Amino acid sequence: MTALAPPASGAYVVDTRTGRVGQVRGGAGPYLRLRPVGGGREWECAPAAARPATAVERLRAATAYVNARSRGERA
């Protein structure tokens, strides 16, 4: 069995531990550094816990960000 290659920088993935969608910003040791859609605080995710985000998941995350911003919850 071969190991899957880690996602490329800039790819959108879902952290299956948290259900959050993030953009891959690079690696930190054995972990991926993910940034939320729309910006914000980065978090680390094990590559085995990341899967590619679907177009629907990316759109849902972007819509949630825009809605929160319109309510003044985000800058």
PDB file of N, CA and C in Angstrom:
ATOM      1  N   MET A   1       0.841  -1.172   0.000  1.00  0.00           N
ATOM      2  CA  MET A   1       0.000   0.000   0.000  1.00  0.00           C
ATOM      3  C   MET A   1       0.890   1.241   0.000  1.00  0.00           C
ATOM      4  N   THR A   2       0.613   2.206  -0.871  1.00  0.00           N
ATOM      5  CA  THR A   2       1.428   3.411  -0.953  1.00  0.00           C
ATOM      6  C   THR A   2       0.740   4.558  -0.227  1.00  0.00           C
ATOM      7  N   ALA A   3       1.558   5.435   0.339  1.00  0.00           N
ATOM      8  CA  ALA A   3       1.017   6.600   1.049  1.00  0.00           C
ATOM      9  C   ALA A   3       0.606   7.662   0.031  1.00  0.00           C
ATOM     10  N   LEU A   4      -0.470   8.360   0.329  1.00  0.00           N
ATOM     11  CA  LEU A   4      -0.923   9.435  -0.543  1.00  0.00           C
ATOM     12  C   LEU A   4      -0.019  10.645  -0.372  1.00  0.00           C
ATOM     13  N   ALA A   5       0.179  11.373  -1.450  1.00  0.00           N
ATOM     14  CA  ALA A   5       0.979  12.590  -1.380  1.00  0.00           C
ATOM     15  C   ALA A   5       0.184  13.657  -0.633  1.00  0.00           C
ATOM     16  N   PRO A   6       0.865  14.485   0.155  1.00  0.00           N
ATOM     17  CA  PRO A   6       0.130  15.542   0.859  1.00  0.00           C
ATOM     18  C   PRO A   6      -0.453  16.537  -0.138  1.00  0.00           C
ATOM     19  N   PRO A   7      -1.552  17.203   0.229  1.00  0.00           N
ATOM     20  CA  PRO A   7      -2.154  18.173  -0.684  1.00  0.00           C
ATOM     21  C   PRO A   7      -1.195  19.334  -0.959  1.00  0.00           C
ATOM     22  N   ALA A   8      -1.308  19.895  -2.137  1.00  0.00           N
ATOM     23  CA  ALA A   8      -0.449  21.009  -2.531  1.00  0.00           C
ATOM     24  C   ALA A   8      -0.828  22.269  -1.766  1.00  0.00           C
ATOM     25  N   SER A   9       0.134  23.145  -1.605  1.00  0.00           N
ATOM     26  CA  SER A   9      -0.121  24.436  -0.974  1.00  0.00           C
ATOM     27  C   SER A   9      -1.169  25.180  -1.792  1.00  0.00           C
ATOM     28  N   GLY A  10      -2.167  25.741  -1.117  1.00  0.00           N
ATOM     29  CA  GLY A  10      -3.252  26.448  -1.792  1.00  0.00           C
ATOM     30  C   GLY A  10      -4.489  25.609  -2.003  1.00  0.00           C
ATOM     31  N   ALA A  11      -4.377  24.281  -1.835  1.00  0.00           N
ATOM     32  CA  ALA A  11      -5.533  23.398  -2.010  1.00  0.00           C
ATOM     33  C   ALA A  11      -6.483  23.554  -0.826  1.00  0.00           C
ATOM     34  N   TYR A  12      -7.762  23.334  -1.064  1.00  0.00           N
ATOM     35  CA  TYR A  12      -8.754  23.371   0.005  1.00  0.00           C
ATOM     36  C   TYR A  12      -9.028  21.955   0.466  1.00  0.00           C
ATOM     37  N   VAL A  13      -8.989  21.761   1.783  1.00  0.00           N
ATOM     38  CA  VAL A  13      -9.220  20.443   2.365  1.00  0.00           C
ATOM     39  C   VAL A  13     -10.187  20.563   3.542  1.00  0.00           C
ATOM     40  N   VAL A  14     -10.739  19.419   3.942  1.00  0.00           N
ATOM     41  CA  VAL A  14     -11.578  19.339   5.131  1.00  0.00           C
ATOM     42  C   VAL A  14     -10.782  18.607   6.198  1.00  0.00           C
ATOM     43  N   ASP A  15     -10.684  19.214   7.370  1.00  0.00           N
ATOM     44  CA  ASP A  15     -10.086  18.560   8.540  1.00  0.00           C
ATOM     45  C   ASP A  15     -11.176  17.645   9.089  1.00  0.00           C
ATOM     46  N   THR A  16     -11.028  16.346   8.908  1.00  0.00           N
ATOM     47  CA  THR A  16     -12.079  15.414   9.296  1.00  0.00           C
ATOM     48  C   THR A  16     -12.246  15.311  10.808  1.00  0.00           C
ATOM     49  N   ARG A  17     -11.272  15.773  11.579  1.00  0.00           N
ATOM     50  CA  ARG A  17     -11.408  15.771  13.037  1.00  0.00           C
ATOM     51  C   ARG A  17     -12.386  16.839  13.496  1.00  0.00           C
ATOM     52  N   THR A  18     -12.379  17.997  12.802  1.00  0.00           N
ATOM     53  CA  THR A  18     -13.211  19.127  13.228  1.00  0.00           C
ATOM     54  C   THR A  18     -14.329  19.444  12.251  1.00  0.00           C
ATOM     55  N   GLY A  19     -14.221  18.981  11.015  1.00  0.00           N
ATOM     56  CA  GLY A  19     -15.212  19.300   9.994  1.00  0.00           C
ATOM     57  C   GLY A  19     -14.989  20.656   9.353  1.00  0.00           C
ATOM     58  N   ARG A  20     -13.908  21.343   9.707  1.00  0.00           N
ATOM     59  CA  ARG A  20     -13.625  22.675   9.167  1.00  0.00           C
ATOM     60  C   ARG A  20     -12.950  22.586   7.809  1.00  0.00           C
ATOM     61  N   VAL A  21     -13.272  23.544   6.945  1.00  0.00           N
ATOM     62  CA  VAL A  21     -12.645  23.651   5.631  1.00  0.00           C
ATOM     63  C   VAL A  21     -11.509  24.654   5.750  1.00  0.00           C
ATOM     64  N   GLY A  22     -10.352  24.296   5.216  1.00  0.00           N
ATOM     65  CA  GLY A  22      -9.208  25.194   5.267  1.00  0.00           C
ATOM     66  C   GLY A  22      -8.387  25.110   4.001  1.00  0.00           C
ATOM     67  N   GLN A  23      -7.592  26.148   3.807  1.00  0.00           N
ATOM     68  CA  GLN A  23      -6.672  26.191   2.678  1.00  0.00           C
ATOM     69  C   GLN A  23      -5.292  25.812   3.181  1.00  0.00           C
ATOM     70  N   VAL A  24      -4.635  24.901   2.488  1.00  0.00           N
ATOM     71  CA  VAL A  24      -3.308  24.451   2.888  1.00  0.00           C
ATOM     72  C   VAL A  24      -2.320  25.605   2.691  1.00  0.00           C
ATOM     73  N   ARG A  25      -1.621  25.962   3.755  1.00  0.00           N
ATOM     74  CA  ARG A  25      -0.636  27.041   3.720  1.00  0.00           C
ATOM     75  C   ARG A  25       0.783  26.507   3.754  1.00  0.00           C
ATOM     76  N   GLY A  26       0.920  25.209   3.929  1.00  0.00           N
ATOM     77  CA  GLY A  26       2.245  24.602   3.981  1.00  0.00           C
ATOM     78  C   GLY A  26       2.277  23.533   5.050  1.00  0.00           C
ATOM     79  N   GLY A  27       3.474  23.158   5.444  1.00  0.00           N
ATOM     80  CA  GLY A  27       3.628  22.125   6.456  1.00  0.00           C
ATOM     81  C   GLY A  27       4.391  22.638   7.659  1.00  0.00           C
ATOM     82  N   ALA A  28       4.156  22.009   8.782  1.00  0.00           N
ATOM     83  CA  ALA A  28       4.879  22.305  10.016  1.00  0.00           C
ATOM     84  C   ALA A  28       5.248  20.957  10.622  1.00  0.00           C
ATOM     85  N   GLY A  29       6.442  20.491  10.326  1.00  0.00           N
ATOM     86  CA  GLY A  29       6.825  19.158  10.764  1.00  0.00           C
ATOM     87  C   GLY A  29       5.950  18.131  10.063  1.00  0.00           C
ATOM     88  N   PRO A  30       5.358  17.217  10.826  1.00  0.00           N
ATOM     89  CA  PRO A  30       4.516  16.195  10.193  1.00  0.00           C
ATOM     90  C   PRO A  30       3.086  16.661   9.928  1.00  0.00           C
ATOM     91  N   TYR A  31       2.761  17.899  10.228  1.00  0.00           N
ATOM     92  CA  TYR A  31       1.390  18.404  10.106  1.00  0.00           C
ATOM     93  C   TYR A  31       1.228  19.371   8.944  1.00  0.00           C
ATOM     94  N   LEU A  32      -0.021  19.524   8.498  1.00  0.00           N
ATOM     95  CA  LEU A  32      -0.379  20.542   7.516  1.00  0.00           C
ATOM     96  C   LEU A  32      -0.800  21.790   8.278  1.00  0.00           C
ATOM     97  N   ARG A  33      -0.470  22.954   7.746  1.00  0.00           N
ATOM     98  CA  ARG A  33      -0.953  24.218   8.306  1.00  0.00           C
ATOM     99  C   ARG A  33      -2.141  24.639   7.458  1.00  0.00           C
ATOM    100  N   LEU A  34      -3.308  24.775   8.084  1.00  0.00           N
ATOM    101  CA  LEU A  34      -4.530  25.145   7.379  1.00  0.00           C
ATOM    102  C   LEU A  34      -4.995  26.520   7.841  1.00  0.00           C
ATOM    103  N   ARG A  35      -5.575  27.262   6.907  1.00  0.00           N
ATOM    104  CA  ARG A  35      -6.121  28.580   7.204  1.00  0.00           C
ATOM    105  C   ARG A  35      -7.586  28.587   6.795  1.00  0.00           C
ATOM    106  N   PRO A  36      -8.463  29.127   7.648  1.00  0.00           N
ATOM    107  CA  PRO A  36      -9.886  29.129   7.308  1.00  0.00           C
ATOM    108  C   PRO A  36     -10.178  29.936   6.047  1.00  0.00           C
ATOM    109  N   VAL A  37     -11.267  29.594   5.384  1.00  0.00           N
ATOM    110  CA  VAL A  37     -11.724  30.354   4.217  1.00  0.00           C
ATOM    111  C   VAL A  37     -12.026  31.775   4.686  1.00  0.00           C
ATOM    112  N   GLY A  38     -11.521  32.770   3.987  1.00  0.00           N
ATOM    113  CA  GLY A  38     -11.732  34.162   4.378  1.00  0.00           C
ATOM    114  C   GLY A  38     -10.668  34.689   5.312  1.00  0.00           C
ATOM    115  N   GLY A  39      -9.729  33.851   5.714  1.00  0.00           N
ATOM    116  CA  GLY A  39      -8.663  34.285   6.608  1.00  0.00           C
ATOM    117  C   GLY A  39      -8.956  33.943   8.053  1.00  0.00           C
ATOM    118  N   GLY A  40      -7.998  34.190   8.874  1.00  0.00           N
ATOM    119  CA  GLY A  40      -8.140  33.890  10.292  1.00  0.00           C
ATOM    120  C   GLY A  40      -6.961  33.105  10.812  1.00  0.00           C
ATOM    121  N   ARG A  41      -7.135  32.600  12.010  1.00  0.00           N
ATOM    122  CA  ARG A  41      -6.063  31.881  12.693  1.00  0.00           C
ATOM    123  C   ARG A  41      -5.842  30.509  12.068  1.00  0.00           C
ATOM    124  N   GLU A  42      -4.593  30.208  11.770  1.00  0.00           N
ATOM    125  CA  GLU A  42      -4.245  28.912  11.198  1.00  0.00           C
ATOM    126  C   GLU A  42      -4.287  27.835  12.271  1.00  0.00           C
ATOM    127  N   TRP A  43      -4.477  26.594  11.825  1.00  0.00           N
ATOM    128  CA  TRP A  43      -4.399  25.461  12.736  1.00  0.00           C
ATOM    129  C   TRP A  43      -3.665  24.334  12.042  1.00  0.00           C
ATOM    130  N   GLU A  44      -3.238  23.361  12.832  1.00  0.00           N
ATOM    131  CA  GLU A  44      -2.508  22.214  12.314  1.00  0.00           C
ATOM    132  C   GLU A  44      -3.434  21.015  12.192  1.00  0.00           C
ATOM    133  N   CYS A  45      -3.156  20.215  11.176  1.00  0.00           N
ATOM    134  CA  CYS A  45      -3.966  19.034  10.901  1.00  0.00           C
ATOM    135  C   CYS A  45      -3.033  17.922  10.412  1.00  0.00           C
ATOM    136  N   ALA A  46      -3.247  16.723  10.926  1.00  0.00           N
ATOM    137  CA  ALA A  46      -2.480  15.579  10.442  1.00  0.00           C
ATOM    138  C   ALA A  46      -2.893  15.289   8.994  1.00  0.00           C
ATOM    139  N   PRO A  47      -1.932  15.010   8.122  1.00  0.00           N
ATOM    140  CA  PRO A  47      -2.286  14.729   6.717  1.00  0.00           C
ATOM    141  C   PRO A  47      -3.297  13.590   6.570  1.00  0.00           C
ATOM    142  N   ALA A  48      -3.267  12.617   7.467  1.00  0.00           N
ATOM    143  CA  ALA A  48      -4.209  11.498   7.386  1.00  0.00           C
ATOM    144  C   ALA A  48      -5.634  11.944   7.717  1.00  0.00           C
ATOM    145  N   ALA A  49      -5.787  13.076   8.410  1.00  0.00           N
ATOM    146  CA  ALA A  49      -7.112  13.581   8.789  1.00  0.00           C
ATOM    147  C   ALA A  49      -7.639  14.602   7.787  1.00  0.00           C
ATOM    148  N   ALA A  50      -6.917  14.829   6.704  1.00  0.00           N
ATOM    149  CA  ALA A  50      -7.343  15.810   5.693  1.00  0.00           C
ATOM    150  C   ALA A  50      -7.817  15.089   4.437  1.00  0.00           C
ATOM    151  N   ARG A  51      -8.904  15.614   3.885  1.00  0.00           N
ATOM    152  CA  ARG A  51      -9.388  15.101   2.600  1.00  0.00           C
ATOM    153  C   ARG A  51      -9.754  16.300   1.733  1.00  0.00           C
ATOM    154  N   PRO A  52      -9.709  16.148   0.424  1.00  0.00           N
ATOM    155  CA  PRO A  52     -10.044  17.278  -0.450  1.00  0.00           C
ATOM    156  C   PRO A  52     -11.470  17.768  -0.203  1.00  0.00           C
ATOM    157  N   ALA A  53     -11.638  19.079  -0.189  1.00  0.00           N
ATOM    158  CA  ALA A  53     -12.967  19.683  -0.020  1.00  0.00           C
ATOM    159  C   ALA A  53     -13.695  19.668  -1.357  1.00  0.00           C
ATOM    160  N   THR A  54     -14.985  19.400  -1.295  1.00  0.00           N
ATOM    161  CA  THR A  54     -15.797  19.450  -2.511  1.00  0.00           C
ATOM    162  C   THR A  54     -16.126  20.909  -2.812  1.00  0.00           C
ATOM    163  N   ALA A  55     -16.627  21.148  -4.009  1.00  0.00           N
ATOM    164  CA  ALA A  55     -17.018  22.513  -4.380  1.00  0.00           C
ATOM    165  C   ALA A  55     -18.128  23.023  -3.462  1.00  0.00           C
ATOM    166  N   VAL A  56     -19.037  22.153  -3.067  1.00  0.00           N
ATOM    167  CA  VAL A  56     -20.137  22.542  -2.166  1.00  0.00           C
ATOM    168  C   VAL A  56     -19.584  22.935  -0.802  1.00  0.00           C
ATOM    169  N   GLU A  57     -18.637  22.176  -0.293  1.00  0.00           N
ATOM    170  CA  GLU A  57     -18.046  22.492   1.015  1.00  0.00           C
ATOM    171  C   GLU A  57     -17.295  23.817   0.979  1.00  0.00           C
ATOM    172  N   ARG A  58     -16.578  24.077  -0.107  1.00  0.00           N
ATOM    173  CA  ARG A  58     -15.872  25.352  -0.244  1.00  0.00           C
ATOM    174  C   ARG A  58     -16.863  26.509  -0.304  1.00  0.00           C
ATOM    175  N   LEU A  59     -17.940  26.352  -1.067  1.00  0.00           N
ATOM    176  CA  LEU A  59     -18.949  27.402  -1.181  1.00  0.00           C
ATOM    177  C   LEU A  59     -19.650  27.636   0.153  1.00  0.00           C
ATOM    178  N   ARG A  60     -19.963  26.573   0.868  1.00  0.00           N
ATOM    179  CA  ARG A  60     -20.616  26.696   2.173  1.00  0.00           C
ATOM    180  C   ARG A  60     -19.715  27.462   3.152  1.00  0.00           C
ATOM    181  N   ALA A  61     -18.418  27.162   3.172  1.00  0.00           N
ATOM    182  CA  ALA A  61     -17.493  27.855   4.066  1.00  0.00           C
ATOM    183  C   ALA A  61     -17.359  29.329   3.685  1.00  0.00           C
ATOM    184  N   ALA A  62     -17.303  29.621   2.382  1.00  0.00           N
ATOM    185  CA  ALA A  62     -17.198  31.015   1.933  1.00  0.00           C
ATOM    186  C   ALA A  62     -18.466  31.792   2.264  1.00  0.00           C
ATOM    187  N   THR A  63     -19.622  31.163   2.110  1.00  0.00           N
ATOM    188  CA  THR A  63     -20.898  31.814   2.428  1.00  0.00           C
ATOM    189  C   THR A  63     -21.000  32.087   3.923  1.00  0.00           C
ATOM    190  N   ALA A  64     -20.579  31.144   4.747  1.00  0.00           N
ATOM    191  CA  ALA A  64     -20.608  31.349   6.197  1.00  0.00           C
ATOM    192  C   ALA A  64     -19.725  32.525   6.587  1.00  0.00           C
ATOM    193  N   TYR A  65     -18.567  32.646   5.958  1.00  0.00           N
ATOM    194  CA  TYR A  65     -17.663  33.767   6.247  1.00  0.00           C
ATOM    195  C   TYR A  65     -18.313  35.096   5.858  1.00  0.00           C
ATOM    196  N   VAL A  66     -18.880  35.179   4.658  1.00  0.00           N
ATOM    197  CA  VAL A  66     -19.502  36.421   4.190  1.00  0.00           C
ATOM    198  C   VAL A  66     -20.680  36.807   5.080  1.00  0.00           C
ATOM    199  N   ASN A  67     -21.484  35.832   5.475  1.00  0.00           N
ATOM    200  CA  ASN A  67     -22.615  36.119   6.361  1.00  0.00           C
ATOM    201  C   ASN A  67     -22.145  36.626   7.719  1.00  0.00           C
ATOM    202  N   ALA A  68     -21.119  36.007   8.283  1.00  0.00           N
ATOM    203  CA  ALA A  68     -20.591  36.456   9.574  1.00  0.00           C
ATOM    204  C   ALA A  68     -20.019  37.861   9.449  1.00  0.00           C
ATOM    205  N   ARG A  69     -19.378  38.150   8.337  1.00  0.00           N
ATOM    206  CA  ARG A  69     -18.816  39.484   8.128  1.00  0.00           C
ATOM    207  C   ARG A  69     -19.927  40.528   8.013  1.00  0.00           C
ATOM    208  N   SER A  70     -21.014  40.192   7.354  1.00  0.00           N
ATOM    209  CA  SER A  70     -22.116  41.157   7.192  1.00  0.00           C
ATOM    210  C   SER A  70     -22.814  41.447   8.534  1.00  0.00           C
ATOM    211  N   ARG A  71     -22.736  40.486   9.468  1.00  0.00           N
ATOM    212  CA  ARG A  71     -23.318  40.682  10.787  1.00  0.00           C
ATOM    213  C   ARG A  71     -22.348  41.393  11.730  1.00  0.00           C
ATOM    214  N   GLY A  72     -21.128  41.666  11.275  1.00  0.00           N
ATOM    215  CA  GLY A  72     -20.132  42.339  12.098  1.00  0.00           C
ATOM    216  C   GLY A  72     -19.368  41.404  13.019  1.00  0.00           C
ATOM    217  N   GLU A  73     -19.494  40.122  12.802  1.00  0.00           N
ATOM    218  CA  GLU A  73     -18.802  39.152  13.645  1.00  0.00           C
ATOM    219  C   GLU A  73     -17.347  38.944  13.222  1.00  0.00           C
ATOM    220  N   ARG A  74     -17.027  39.337  12.016  1.00  0.00           N
ATOM    221  CA  ARG A  74     -15.661  39.223  11.481  1.00  0.00           C
ATOM    222  C   ARG A  74     -15.272  40.527  10.825  1.00  0.00           C
ATOM    223  N   ALA A  75     -13.997  40.784  10.807  1.00  0.00           N
ATOM    224  CA  ALA A  75     -13.510  42.022  10.170  1.00  0.00           C
ATOM    225  C   ALA A  75     -13.235  41.799   8.710  1.00  0.00           C
TER     226      ALA A  75
END
